[in-house]
Amino acid sequence: MTAATPGLDAPFTARELVRHWWRPALAVLLVVGAVVWRLVKADLGAPPNLELSTAAAFAAAGLLRHRLAMLAPLVVVALSDVLLGNSTVLVFTWTAWAAIGAGAWWAGRVRGGGRWLSALGFGVGSSLFFYLWTNAGVWWLGRGTFYPEGLDGLLASYVAGLPFLRPMLLGNLVLVPLAAGLVALVARLERAAVPTPGVVAAR
């Protein structure tokens, strides 16, 4: 390991992220891809709530190893909402994505074989949290209008949201582990590029 590479599994400082520029560059590409997908998925006939934001958040956390990664899903939803528009439910959707960003930061810190279990747990947990929190928000904002007040209305909101939960959950079960694989691949390529002390001495 060279002096310029502090530790391939250690958290990065801002200066180290500049030195490992390919990591933030890849994270930005994933965020941009998630934004573009959110803008065009309806035109492509994709299922509702099949999104890339959760996987992009997990990948950003693993690639950046910096607290800035928590902003990834909020950046996706903010940029796309500028063009798509939103309603008062954004209070719940944005806070859900903020929580998912924080969860990605903690889940993405797992190293080794545990990364895959962490990715699966994060994919399932974030899908369920988003479903429970945002549908509670839809009920809260529409209680007495779209849904009855009280527990019956909340349950009705959850039932109405089930078609949106399924594609998000199934998508994250595939996409988040793929994001974990991408992070592992980047780390492996970096390790392969770092000369061992014996090789350096032989030269």
N, C-alpha and C. Protein backbone atom coordinates (compact mmCIF):
# COMPACT_ATOMS: atom_id res chain seq x y z
N MET A 1 0.84 -1.20 0.00
CA MET A 1 0.00 0.00 0.00
C MET A 1 0.87 1.24 0.00
N THR A 2 0.58 2.20 -0.83
CA THR A 2 1.39 3.39 -0.94
C THR A 2 0.95 4.43 0.07
N ALA A 3 1.79 5.45 0.26
CA ALA A 3 1.44 6.51 1.20
C ALA A 3 0.25 7.30 0.71
N ALA A 4 0.02 7.31 -0.61
CA ALA A 4 -1.09 8.08 -1.18
C ALA A 4 -2.42 7.38 -1.02
N THR A 5 -2.39 6.11 -0.64
CA THR A 5 -3.63 5.37 -0.45
C THR A 5 -3.73 4.95 1.00
N PRO A 6 -4.47 5.71 1.86
CA PRO A 6 -4.44 5.49 3.30
C PRO A 6 -4.94 4.14 3.71
N GLY A 7 -6.02 3.70 3.22
CA GLY A 7 -6.60 2.43 3.63
C GLY A 7 -7.83 2.21 2.80
N LEU A 8 -7.86 1.14 2.04
CA LEU A 8 -8.92 0.98 1.04
C LEU A 8 -10.28 0.74 1.67
N ASP A 9 -10.33 0.42 2.96
CA ASP A 9 -11.61 0.23 3.64
C ASP A 9 -11.89 1.32 4.66
N ALA A 10 -10.99 2.31 4.77
CA ALA A 10 -11.16 3.38 5.75
C ALA A 10 -12.05 4.48 5.19
N PRO A 11 -12.73 5.25 6.06
CA PRO A 11 -13.51 6.39 5.56
C PRO A 11 -12.62 7.38 4.82
N PHE A 12 -13.17 8.02 3.82
CA PHE A 12 -12.43 9.00 3.04
C PHE A 12 -12.64 10.40 3.60
N THR A 13 -11.60 11.20 3.58
CA THR A 13 -11.74 12.63 3.80
C THR A 13 -12.06 13.28 2.46
N ALA A 14 -12.42 14.56 2.50
CA ALA A 14 -12.71 15.27 1.25
C ALA A 14 -11.49 15.29 0.33
N ARG A 15 -10.30 15.45 0.91
CA ARG A 15 -9.08 15.47 0.11
C ARG A 15 -8.83 14.11 -0.54
N GLU A 16 -9.09 13.04 0.19
CA GLU A 16 -8.89 11.70 -0.36
C GLU A 16 -9.89 11.40 -1.46
N LEU A 17 -11.10 11.95 -1.34
CA LEU A 17 -12.08 11.77 -2.41
C LEU A 17 -11.63 12.45 -3.69
N VAL A 18 -10.98 13.58 -3.55
CA VAL A 18 -10.44 14.25 -4.74
C VAL A 18 -9.34 13.39 -5.38
N ARG A 19 -8.52 12.77 -4.53
CA ARG A 19 -7.45 11.93 -5.04
C ARG A 19 -8.01 10.66 -5.69
N HIS A 20 -9.08 10.11 -5.10
CA HIS A 20 -9.75 8.94 -5.68
C HIS A 20 -10.96 9.43 -6.49
N TRP A 21 -10.69 10.28 -7.47
CA TRP A 21 -11.74 11.01 -8.17
C TRP A 21 -12.74 10.09 -8.86
N TRP A 22 -12.32 8.88 -9.24
CA TRP A 22 -13.23 7.99 -9.96
C TRP A 22 -14.39 7.54 -9.08
N ARG A 23 -14.21 7.53 -7.78
CA ARG A 23 -15.31 7.14 -6.89
C ARG A 23 -16.44 8.18 -6.89
N PRO A 24 -16.16 9.47 -6.59
CA PRO A 24 -17.25 10.45 -6.70
C PRO A 24 -17.80 10.59 -8.11
N ALA A 25 -16.94 10.41 -9.12
CA ALA A 25 -17.42 10.49 -10.50
C ALA A 25 -18.44 9.40 -10.78
N LEU A 26 -18.17 8.19 -10.32
CA LEU A 26 -19.10 7.09 -10.52
C LEU A 26 -20.38 7.31 -9.72
N ALA A 27 -20.24 7.83 -8.50
CA ALA A 27 -21.43 8.13 -7.69
C ALA A 27 -22.32 9.17 -8.36
N VAL A 28 -21.70 10.19 -8.95
CA VAL A 28 -22.47 11.22 -9.67
C VAL A 28 -23.18 10.60 -10.87
N LEU A 29 -22.51 9.74 -11.60
CA LEU A 29 -23.14 9.09 -12.75
C LEU A 29 -24.36 8.27 -12.32
N LEU A 30 -24.26 7.58 -11.19
CA LEU A 30 -25.38 6.79 -10.70
C LEU A 30 -26.54 7.69 -10.29
N VAL A 31 -26.23 8.80 -9.64
CA VAL A 31 -27.29 9.74 -9.25
C VAL A 31 -27.95 10.33 -10.49
N VAL A 32 -27.17 10.72 -11.48
CA VAL A 32 -27.73 11.25 -12.73
C VAL A 32 -28.59 10.20 -13.41
N GLY A 33 -28.12 8.94 -13.41
CA GLY A 33 -28.92 7.87 -13.99
C GLY A 33 -30.24 7.68 -13.28
N ALA A 34 -30.22 7.81 -11.94
CA ALA A 34 -31.46 7.68 -11.17
C ALA A 34 -32.42 8.82 -11.47
N VAL A 35 -31.88 10.04 -11.67
CA VAL A 35 -32.72 11.19 -12.03
C VAL A 35 -33.35 10.97 -13.40
N VAL A 36 -32.54 10.59 -14.37
CA VAL A 36 -33.04 10.38 -15.73
C VAL A 36 -34.10 9.28 -15.73
N TRP A 37 -33.84 8.19 -15.02
CA TRP A 37 -34.80 7.10 -14.97
C TRP A 37 -36.14 7.57 -14.38
N ARG A 38 -36.07 8.40 -13.35
CA ARG A 38 -37.31 8.89 -12.73
C ARG A 38 -38.09 9.77 -13.71
N LEU A 39 -37.39 10.43 -14.62
CA LEU A 39 -38.06 11.31 -15.58
C LEU A 39 -38.67 10.54 -16.74
N VAL A 40 -38.07 9.42 -17.14
CA VAL A 40 -38.51 8.74 -18.36
C VAL A 40 -39.23 7.42 -18.11
N LYS A 41 -39.24 6.94 -16.88
CA LYS A 41 -39.77 5.59 -16.65
C LYS A 41 -41.25 5.47 -17.01
N ALA A 42 -42.02 6.53 -16.80
CA ALA A 42 -43.45 6.46 -17.15
C ALA A 42 -43.62 6.32 -18.66
N ASP A 43 -42.81 7.04 -19.43
CA ASP A 43 -42.89 6.95 -20.88
C ASP A 43 -42.46 5.58 -21.39
N LEU A 44 -41.61 4.92 -20.62
CA LEU A 44 -41.13 3.59 -21.01
C LEU A 44 -42.06 2.48 -20.57
N GLY A 45 -43.11 2.84 -19.84
CA GLY A 45 -44.07 1.84 -19.37
C GLY A 45 -43.58 1.03 -18.19
N ALA A 46 -42.62 1.57 -17.44
CA ALA A 46 -42.09 0.86 -16.27
C ALA A 46 -43.13 0.84 -15.15
N PRO A 47 -43.11 -0.17 -14.30
CA PRO A 47 -44.06 -0.22 -13.18
C PRO A 47 -43.89 0.97 -12.26
N PRO A 48 -44.95 1.41 -11.58
CA PRO A 48 -44.83 2.53 -10.65
C PRO A 48 -43.90 2.15 -9.50
N ASN A 49 -43.13 3.12 -9.06
CA ASN A 49 -42.21 2.98 -7.93
C ASN A 49 -41.05 2.02 -8.18
N LEU A 50 -40.83 1.62 -9.42
CA LEU A 50 -39.59 0.92 -9.74
C LEU A 50 -38.53 1.99 -9.95
N GLU A 51 -37.65 2.16 -8.96
CA GLU A 51 -36.73 3.29 -8.99
C GLU A 51 -35.30 2.84 -8.73
N LEU A 52 -34.37 3.74 -9.04
CA LEU A 52 -32.94 3.47 -8.88
C LEU A 52 -32.35 4.23 -7.70
N SER A 53 -33.17 5.03 -7.03
CA SER A 53 -32.64 5.93 -6.00
C SER A 53 -32.05 5.17 -4.82
N THR A 54 -32.71 4.08 -4.39
CA THR A 54 -32.22 3.33 -3.24
C THR A 54 -30.87 2.68 -3.56
N ALA A 55 -30.77 2.07 -4.73
CA ALA A 55 -29.51 1.45 -5.13
C ALA A 55 -28.42 2.51 -5.30
N ALA A 56 -28.77 3.66 -5.86
CA ALA A 56 -27.79 4.74 -6.01
C ALA A 56 -27.31 5.23 -4.66
N ALA A 57 -28.22 5.29 -3.68
CA ALA A 57 -27.84 5.72 -2.33
C ALA A 57 -26.88 4.73 -1.70
N PHE A 58 -27.15 3.43 -1.84
CA PHE A 58 -26.27 2.41 -1.26
C PHE A 58 -24.90 2.44 -1.94
N ALA A 59 -24.90 2.55 -3.27
CA ALA A 59 -23.64 2.60 -4.00
C ALA A 59 -22.84 3.84 -3.63
N ALA A 60 -23.51 5.00 -3.51
CA ALA A 60 -22.81 6.23 -3.15
C ALA A 60 -22.18 6.11 -1.77
N ALA A 61 -22.90 5.48 -0.83
CA ALA A 61 -22.36 5.30 0.52
C ALA A 61 -21.11 4.44 0.49
N GLY A 62 -21.14 3.36 -0.30
CA GLY A 62 -19.99 2.47 -0.39
C GLY A 62 -18.83 3.07 -1.16
N LEU A 63 -19.14 3.86 -2.18
CA LEU A 63 -18.09 4.45 -3.01
C LEU A 63 -17.43 5.64 -2.32
N LEU A 64 -18.24 6.51 -1.75
CA LEU A 64 -17.71 7.74 -1.17
C LEU A 64 -17.16 7.54 0.24
N ARG A 65 -17.79 6.62 0.99
CA ARG A 65 -17.42 6.41 2.39
C ARG A 65 -17.28 7.76 3.11
N HIS A 66 -18.27 8.59 2.87
CA HIS A 66 -18.29 9.95 3.41
C HIS A 66 -19.75 10.31 3.68
N ARG A 67 -19.98 11.13 4.70
CA ARG A 67 -21.36 11.48 5.07
C ARG A 67 -22.11 12.21 3.96
N LEU A 68 -21.38 12.78 3.01
CA LEU A 68 -22.04 13.44 1.88
C LEU A 68 -22.90 12.46 1.09
N ALA A 69 -22.59 11.17 1.16
CA ALA A 69 -23.36 10.17 0.43
C ALA A 69 -24.82 10.14 0.87
N MET A 70 -25.10 10.58 2.09
CA MET A 70 -26.48 10.58 2.58
C MET A 70 -27.38 11.49 1.76
N LEU A 71 -26.78 12.43 1.04
CA LEU A 71 -27.58 13.38 0.25
C LEU A 71 -28.01 12.80 -1.09
N ALA A 72 -27.45 11.66 -1.50
CA ALA A 72 -27.71 11.14 -2.85
C ALA A 72 -29.18 11.00 -3.18
N PRO A 73 -30.01 10.32 -2.36
CA PRO A 73 -31.42 10.18 -2.76
C PRO A 73 -32.18 11.50 -2.73
N LEU A 74 -31.79 12.42 -1.85
CA LEU A 74 -32.45 13.73 -1.82
C LEU A 74 -32.12 14.52 -3.08
N VAL A 75 -30.90 14.40 -3.56
CA VAL A 75 -30.53 15.08 -4.80
C VAL A 75 -31.35 14.54 -5.96
N VAL A 76 -31.54 13.21 -6.00
CA VAL A 76 -32.33 12.59 -7.07
C VAL A 76 -33.75 13.14 -7.07
N VAL A 77 -34.39 13.11 -5.90
CA VAL A 77 -35.80 13.52 -5.85
C VAL A 77 -35.94 15.03 -6.06
N ALA A 78 -34.99 15.82 -5.56
CA ALA A 78 -35.09 17.28 -5.73
C ALA A 78 -34.93 17.68 -7.19
N LEU A 79 -33.92 17.11 -7.87
CA LEU A 79 -33.70 17.47 -9.26
C LEU A 79 -34.86 17.02 -10.15
N SER A 80 -35.36 15.81 -9.91
CA SER A 80 -36.44 15.32 -10.76
C SER A 80 -37.76 16.01 -10.45
N ASP A 81 -37.98 16.39 -9.19
CA ASP A 81 -39.23 17.07 -8.84
C ASP A 81 -39.31 18.46 -9.47
N VAL A 82 -38.17 19.06 -9.77
CA VAL A 82 -38.17 20.36 -10.44
C VAL A 82 -38.90 20.25 -11.77
N LEU A 83 -38.73 19.13 -12.47
CA LEU A 83 -39.35 18.93 -13.77
C LEU A 83 -40.69 18.20 -13.67
N LEU A 84 -40.79 17.25 -12.74
CA LEU A 84 -42.02 16.46 -12.63
C LEU A 84 -43.09 17.16 -11.81
N GLY A 85 -42.65 18.01 -10.89
CA GLY A 85 -43.59 18.63 -9.97
C GLY A 85 -43.90 17.69 -8.81
N ASN A 86 -44.58 18.21 -7.80
CA ASN A 86 -44.94 17.43 -6.63
C ASN A 86 -46.11 18.12 -5.95
N SER A 87 -46.53 17.58 -4.84
CA SER A 87 -47.63 18.16 -4.08
C SER A 87 -47.19 18.25 -2.62
N THR A 88 -48.14 18.52 -1.74
CA THR A 88 -47.80 18.64 -0.33
C THR A 88 -47.29 17.34 0.26
N VAL A 89 -47.49 16.22 -0.45
CA VAL A 89 -46.98 14.95 0.05
C VAL A 89 -45.46 14.91 0.03
N LEU A 90 -44.83 15.90 -0.64
CA LEU A 90 -43.37 15.92 -0.69
C LEU A 90 -42.75 16.02 0.70
N VAL A 91 -43.51 16.55 1.66
CA VAL A 91 -43.00 16.59 3.03
C VAL A 91 -42.68 15.17 3.51
N PHE A 92 -43.51 14.21 3.10
CA PHE A 92 -43.31 12.83 3.52
C PHE A 92 -42.34 12.10 2.59
N THR A 93 -42.43 12.35 1.29
CA THR A 93 -41.52 11.65 0.38
C THR A 93 -40.08 12.12 0.59
N TRP A 94 -39.89 13.41 0.76
CA TRP A 94 -38.53 13.92 0.94
C TRP A 94 -37.93 13.46 2.27
N THR A 95 -38.72 13.47 3.34
CA THR A 95 -38.20 12.99 4.62
C THR A 95 -37.93 11.49 4.56
N ALA A 96 -38.73 10.76 3.79
CA ALA A 96 -38.46 9.32 3.62
C ALA A 96 -37.12 9.11 2.93
N TRP A 97 -36.86 9.89 1.87
CA TRP A 97 -35.59 9.74 1.16
C TRP A 97 -34.42 10.21 2.01
N ALA A 98 -34.66 11.21 2.87
CA ALA A 98 -33.59 11.63 3.78
C ALA A 98 -33.24 10.50 4.74
N ALA A 99 -34.26 9.82 5.26
CA ALA A 99 -34.01 8.69 6.17
C ALA A 99 -33.34 7.54 5.43
N ILE A 100 -33.74 7.30 4.19
CA ILE A 100 -33.12 6.23 3.39
C ILE A 100 -31.66 6.57 3.11
N GLY A 101 -31.36 7.85 2.88
CA GLY A 101 -29.97 8.25 2.68
C GLY A 101 -29.13 7.99 3.92
N ALA A 102 -29.69 8.29 5.10
CA ALA A 102 -28.96 8.01 6.34
C ALA A 102 -28.79 6.50 6.54
N GLY A 103 -29.84 5.74 6.21
CA GLY A 103 -29.75 4.29 6.32
C GLY A 103 -28.71 3.71 5.38
N ALA A 104 -28.62 4.29 4.17
CA ALA A 104 -27.62 3.82 3.21
C ALA A 104 -26.22 4.06 3.73
N TRP A 105 -26.01 5.18 4.41
CA TRP A 105 -24.70 5.48 4.96
C TRP A 105 -24.27 4.42 5.97
N TRP A 106 -25.19 4.02 6.85
CA TRP A 106 -24.85 3.02 7.86
C TRP A 106 -24.74 1.63 7.24
N ALA A 107 -25.67 1.29 6.35
CA ALA A 107 -25.62 -0.04 5.73
C ALA A 107 -24.41 -0.18 4.82
N GLY A 108 -24.03 0.90 4.14
CA GLY A 108 -22.91 0.85 3.21
C GLY A 108 -21.56 0.76 3.87
N ARG A 109 -21.50 0.92 5.21
CA ARG A 109 -20.22 0.83 5.92
C ARG A 109 -19.82 -0.61 6.19
N VAL A 110 -20.72 -1.55 5.96
CA VAL A 110 -20.41 -2.96 6.19
C VAL A 110 -19.44 -3.43 5.12
N ARG A 111 -18.44 -4.17 5.51
CA ARG A 111 -17.42 -4.64 4.58
C ARG A 111 -17.46 -6.16 4.46
N GLY A 112 -16.79 -6.69 3.46
CA GLY A 112 -16.67 -8.13 3.29
C GLY A 112 -17.98 -8.78 2.89
N GLY A 113 -18.11 -10.06 3.28
CA GLY A 113 -19.31 -10.82 2.92
C GLY A 113 -20.58 -10.27 3.52
N GLY A 114 -20.46 -9.55 4.63
CA GLY A 114 -21.64 -8.96 5.26
C GLY A 114 -22.28 -7.87 4.43
N ARG A 115 -21.53 -7.36 3.44
CA ARG A 115 -22.09 -6.31 2.58
C ARG A 115 -23.33 -6.79 1.85
N TRP A 116 -23.35 -8.07 1.44
CA TRP A 116 -24.50 -8.58 0.67
C TRP A 116 -25.73 -8.68 1.56
N LEU A 117 -25.56 -9.17 2.79
CA LEU A 117 -26.69 -9.21 3.72
C LEU A 117 -27.15 -7.80 4.06
N SER A 118 -26.20 -6.90 4.22
CA SER A 118 -26.55 -5.51 4.50
C SER A 118 -27.34 -4.91 3.34
N ALA A 119 -26.93 -5.23 2.10
CA ALA A 119 -27.64 -4.71 0.93
C ALA A 119 -29.06 -5.24 0.86
N LEU A 120 -29.24 -6.54 1.13
CA LEU A 120 -30.59 -7.12 1.10
C LEU A 120 -31.46 -6.51 2.20
N GLY A 121 -30.89 -6.42 3.41
CA GLY A 121 -31.66 -5.84 4.51
C GLY A 121 -32.03 -4.40 4.26
N PHE A 122 -31.08 -3.65 3.69
CA PHE A 122 -31.35 -2.25 3.39
C PHE A 122 -32.40 -2.13 2.29
N GLY A 123 -32.31 -2.98 1.25
CA GLY A 123 -33.29 -2.94 0.17
C GLY A 123 -34.70 -3.20 0.66
N VAL A 124 -34.85 -4.23 1.50
CA VAL A 124 -36.18 -4.55 2.05
C VAL A 124 -36.64 -3.48 3.02
N GLY A 125 -35.75 -3.11 3.95
CA GLY A 125 -36.12 -2.14 4.97
C GLY A 125 -36.49 -0.79 4.41
N SER A 126 -35.73 -0.30 3.44
CA SER A 126 -36.03 1.01 2.87
C SER A 126 -37.34 0.99 2.09
N SER A 127 -37.62 -0.13 1.39
CA SER A 127 -38.88 -0.24 0.65
C SER A 127 -40.07 -0.19 1.60
N LEU A 128 -39.99 -0.96 2.69
CA LEU A 128 -41.09 -1.00 3.65
C LEU A 128 -41.25 0.33 4.36
N PHE A 129 -40.13 0.95 4.73
CA PHE A 129 -40.21 2.24 5.40
C PHE A 129 -40.85 3.29 4.49
N PHE A 130 -40.41 3.34 3.23
CA PHE A 130 -40.97 4.31 2.30
C PHE A 130 -42.48 4.10 2.15
N TYR A 131 -42.89 2.83 2.02
CA TYR A 131 -44.30 2.49 1.88
C TYR A 131 -45.10 2.93 3.10
N LEU A 132 -44.62 2.57 4.28
CA LEU A 132 -45.37 2.87 5.52
C LEU A 132 -45.43 4.38 5.78
N TRP A 133 -44.30 5.06 5.59
CA TRP A 133 -44.25 6.48 5.91
C TRP A 133 -45.03 7.32 4.91
N THR A 134 -44.83 7.10 3.61
CA THR A 134 -45.47 7.96 2.62
C THR A 134 -46.97 7.69 2.52
N ASN A 135 -47.39 6.45 2.70
CA ASN A 135 -48.83 6.18 2.67
C ASN A 135 -49.52 6.71 3.92
N ALA A 136 -48.81 6.72 5.03
CA ALA A 136 -49.35 7.40 6.22
C ALA A 136 -49.50 8.89 5.93
N GLY A 137 -48.54 9.44 5.17
CA GLY A 137 -48.64 10.85 4.79
C GLY A 137 -49.81 11.12 3.86
N VAL A 138 -50.03 10.23 2.89
CA VAL A 138 -51.17 10.39 1.98
C VAL A 138 -52.48 10.37 2.77
N TRP A 139 -52.57 9.44 3.72
CA TRP A 139 -53.78 9.38 4.55
C TRP A 139 -53.92 10.64 5.39
N TRP A 140 -52.83 11.10 6.00
CA TRP A 140 -52.88 12.27 6.86
C TRP A 140 -53.33 13.51 6.10
N LEU A 141 -52.79 13.69 4.91
CA LEU A 141 -53.14 14.87 4.12
C LEU A 141 -54.53 14.76 3.51
N GLY A 142 -55.00 13.52 3.28
CA GLY A 142 -56.30 13.35 2.64
C GLY A 142 -57.38 12.84 3.56
N ARG A 143 -57.12 12.82 4.87
CA ARG A 143 -58.12 12.28 5.81
C ARG A 143 -59.35 13.20 5.82
N GLY A 144 -60.50 12.56 5.77
CA GLY A 144 -61.75 13.30 5.71
C GLY A 144 -62.13 13.68 4.29
N THR A 145 -61.20 13.49 3.31
CA THR A 145 -61.48 13.80 1.91
C THR A 145 -61.35 12.55 1.05
N PHE A 146 -60.14 12.04 0.94
CA PHE A 146 -59.90 10.82 0.17
C PHE A 146 -60.04 9.56 1.02
N TYR A 147 -59.72 9.67 2.29
CA TYR A 147 -59.78 8.54 3.21
C TYR A 147 -60.50 8.96 4.48
N PRO A 148 -61.19 8.01 5.11
CA PRO A 148 -61.83 8.32 6.39
C PRO A 148 -60.79 8.65 7.46
N GLU A 149 -61.18 9.45 8.41
CA GLU A 149 -60.30 9.69 9.55
C GLU A 149 -60.28 8.46 10.43
N GLY A 150 -59.18 8.24 11.10
CA GLY A 150 -59.07 7.09 11.99
C GLY A 150 -58.34 5.92 11.35
N LEU A 151 -58.26 4.83 12.08
CA LEU A 151 -57.49 3.67 11.67
C LEU A 151 -58.00 3.07 10.36
N ASP A 152 -59.32 3.08 10.14
CA ASP A 152 -59.86 2.53 8.90
C ASP A 152 -59.31 3.26 7.67
N GLY A 153 -59.19 4.56 7.77
CA GLY A 153 -58.67 5.33 6.66
C GLY A 153 -57.19 5.06 6.43
N LEU A 154 -56.44 4.92 7.52
CA LEU A 154 -55.01 4.61 7.38
C LEU A 154 -54.82 3.25 6.72
N LEU A 155 -55.59 2.26 7.16
CA LEU A 155 -55.49 0.92 6.56
C LEU A 155 -55.90 0.95 5.08
N ALA A 156 -56.90 1.76 4.76
CA ALA A 156 -57.32 1.88 3.35
C ALA A 156 -56.20 2.48 2.51
N SER A 157 -55.47 3.44 3.09
CA SER A 157 -54.35 4.03 2.37
C SER A 157 -53.24 3.01 2.13
N TYR A 158 -52.99 2.17 3.13
CA TYR A 158 -51.97 1.13 2.96
C TYR A 158 -52.39 0.10 1.91
N VAL A 159 -53.65 -0.26 1.89
CA VAL A 159 -54.12 -1.22 0.88
C VAL A 159 -53.99 -0.62 -0.51
N ALA A 160 -54.34 0.66 -0.65
CA ALA A 160 -54.23 1.32 -1.96
C ALA A 160 -52.78 1.43 -2.41
N GLY A 161 -51.85 1.46 -1.45
CA GLY A 161 -50.44 1.60 -1.81
C GLY A 161 -49.73 0.30 -2.12
N LEU A 162 -50.39 -0.84 -1.92
CA LEU A 162 -49.74 -2.13 -2.17
C LEU A 162 -49.23 -2.31 -3.60
N PRO A 163 -49.97 -1.88 -4.62
CA PRO A 163 -49.42 -2.01 -6.00
C PRO A 163 -48.13 -1.23 -6.22
N PHE A 164 -47.89 -0.21 -5.39
CA PHE A 164 -46.66 0.57 -5.52
C PHE A 164 -45.52 -0.05 -4.71
N LEU A 165 -45.87 -0.78 -3.66
CA LEU A 165 -44.84 -1.42 -2.84
C LEU A 165 -44.16 -2.56 -3.59
N ARG A 166 -44.94 -3.37 -4.29
CA ARG A 166 -44.39 -4.59 -4.91
C ARG A 166 -43.24 -4.31 -5.87
N PRO A 167 -43.39 -3.40 -6.87
CA PRO A 167 -42.25 -3.18 -7.78
C PRO A 167 -41.06 -2.55 -7.09
N MET A 168 -41.31 -1.69 -6.09
CA MET A 168 -40.19 -1.08 -5.37
C MET A 168 -39.41 -2.14 -4.60
N LEU A 169 -40.14 -3.03 -3.93
CA LEU A 169 -39.50 -4.07 -3.14
C LEU A 169 -38.73 -5.05 -4.02
N LEU A 170 -39.38 -5.54 -5.08
CA LEU A 170 -38.71 -6.48 -5.97
C LEU A 170 -37.51 -5.84 -6.67
N GLY A 171 -37.67 -4.60 -7.08
CA GLY A 171 -36.56 -3.90 -7.73
C GLY A 171 -35.37 -3.74 -6.81
N ASN A 172 -35.63 -3.37 -5.56
CA ASN A 172 -34.53 -3.16 -4.62
C ASN A 172 -33.87 -4.48 -4.22
N LEU A 173 -34.62 -5.57 -4.25
CA LEU A 173 -34.03 -6.87 -3.95
C LEU A 173 -32.99 -7.27 -5.00
N VAL A 174 -33.12 -6.71 -6.20
CA VAL A 174 -32.16 -6.98 -7.27
C VAL A 174 -31.13 -5.87 -7.37
N LEU A 175 -31.58 -4.61 -7.38
CA LEU A 175 -30.71 -3.48 -7.69
C LEU A 175 -29.74 -3.14 -6.57
N VAL A 176 -30.19 -3.24 -5.32
CA VAL A 176 -29.28 -2.89 -4.21
C VAL A 176 -28.13 -3.89 -4.09
N PRO A 177 -28.38 -5.22 -4.17
CA PRO A 177 -27.22 -6.13 -4.22
C PRO A 177 -26.31 -5.88 -5.41
N LEU A 178 -26.87 -5.48 -6.56
CA LEU A 178 -26.01 -5.12 -7.69
C LEU A 178 -25.15 -3.91 -7.36
N ALA A 179 -25.72 -2.96 -6.62
CA ALA A 179 -24.94 -1.80 -6.19
C ALA A 179 -23.82 -2.23 -5.26
N ALA A 180 -24.10 -3.20 -4.37
CA ALA A 180 -23.06 -3.74 -3.49
C ALA A 180 -21.97 -4.41 -4.31
N GLY A 181 -22.36 -5.11 -5.37
CA GLY A 181 -21.37 -5.74 -6.24
C GLY A 181 -20.50 -4.72 -6.94
N LEU A 182 -21.09 -3.59 -7.35
CA LEU A 182 -20.32 -2.53 -7.99
C LEU A 182 -19.28 -1.97 -7.03
N VAL A 183 -19.69 -1.73 -5.79
CA VAL A 183 -18.76 -1.21 -4.79
C VAL A 183 -17.62 -2.20 -4.56
N ALA A 184 -17.95 -3.49 -4.46
CA ALA A 184 -16.93 -4.51 -4.26
C ALA A 184 -15.98 -4.58 -5.45
N LEU A 185 -16.51 -4.41 -6.66
CA LEU A 185 -15.67 -4.45 -7.86
C LEU A 185 -14.69 -3.29 -7.87
N VAL A 186 -15.17 -2.10 -7.52
CA VAL A 186 -14.29 -0.94 -7.49
C VAL A 186 -13.17 -1.16 -6.47
N ALA A 187 -13.52 -1.67 -5.29
CA ALA A 187 -12.51 -1.93 -4.26
C ALA A 187 -11.49 -2.97 -4.74
N ARG A 188 -11.97 -4.00 -5.42
CA ARG A 188 -11.06 -5.04 -5.92
C ARG A 188 -10.11 -4.48 -6.97
N LEU A 189 -10.62 -3.66 -7.88
CA LEU A 189 -9.76 -3.05 -8.90
C LEU A 189 -8.72 -2.14 -8.28
N GLU A 190 -9.12 -1.43 -7.23
CA GLU A 190 -8.16 -0.56 -6.54
C GLU A 190 -7.06 -1.39 -5.88
N ARG A 191 -7.45 -2.48 -5.25
CA ARG A 191 -6.44 -3.33 -4.60
C ARG A 191 -5.49 -3.92 -5.63
N ALA A 192 -6.04 -4.27 -6.78
CA ALA A 192 -5.18 -4.83 -7.83
C ALA A 192 -4.21 -3.79 -8.37
N ALA A 193 -4.59 -2.52 -8.29
CA ALA A 193 -3.73 -1.46 -8.82
C ALA A 193 -2.67 -1.00 -7.83
N VAL A 194 -2.81 -1.41 -6.56
CA VAL A 194 -1.85 -1.01 -5.53
C VAL A 194 -0.72 -2.03 -5.47
N PRO A 195 0.52 -1.65 -5.76
CA PRO A 195 1.63 -2.61 -5.73
C PRO A 195 1.96 -3.04 -4.30
N THR A 196 2.32 -4.29 -4.14
CA THR A 196 2.73 -4.78 -2.83
C THR A 196 4.15 -4.32 -2.54
N PRO A 197 4.52 -4.19 -1.24
CA PRO A 197 5.88 -3.72 -0.92
C PRO A 197 6.97 -4.56 -1.56
N GLY A 198 6.78 -5.89 -1.65
CA GLY A 198 7.79 -6.76 -2.25
C GLY A 198 8.00 -6.45 -3.72
N VAL A 199 6.88 -6.16 -4.41
CA VAL A 199 6.99 -5.84 -5.83
C VAL A 199 7.71 -4.51 -6.02
N VAL A 200 7.39 -3.54 -5.16
CA VAL A 200 8.05 -2.24 -5.26
C VAL A 200 9.54 -2.38 -5.04
N ALA A 201 9.92 -3.21 -4.02
CA ALA A 201 11.34 -3.38 -3.72
C ALA A 201 12.06 -4.07 -4.87
N ALA A 202 11.39 -5.02 -5.55
CA ALA A 202 12.02 -5.75 -6.65
C ALA A 202 12.32 -4.84 -7.83
N ARG A 203 11.48 -3.80 -7.97
CA ARG A 203 11.72 -2.87 -9.06
C ARG A 203 12.91 -1.95 -8.74
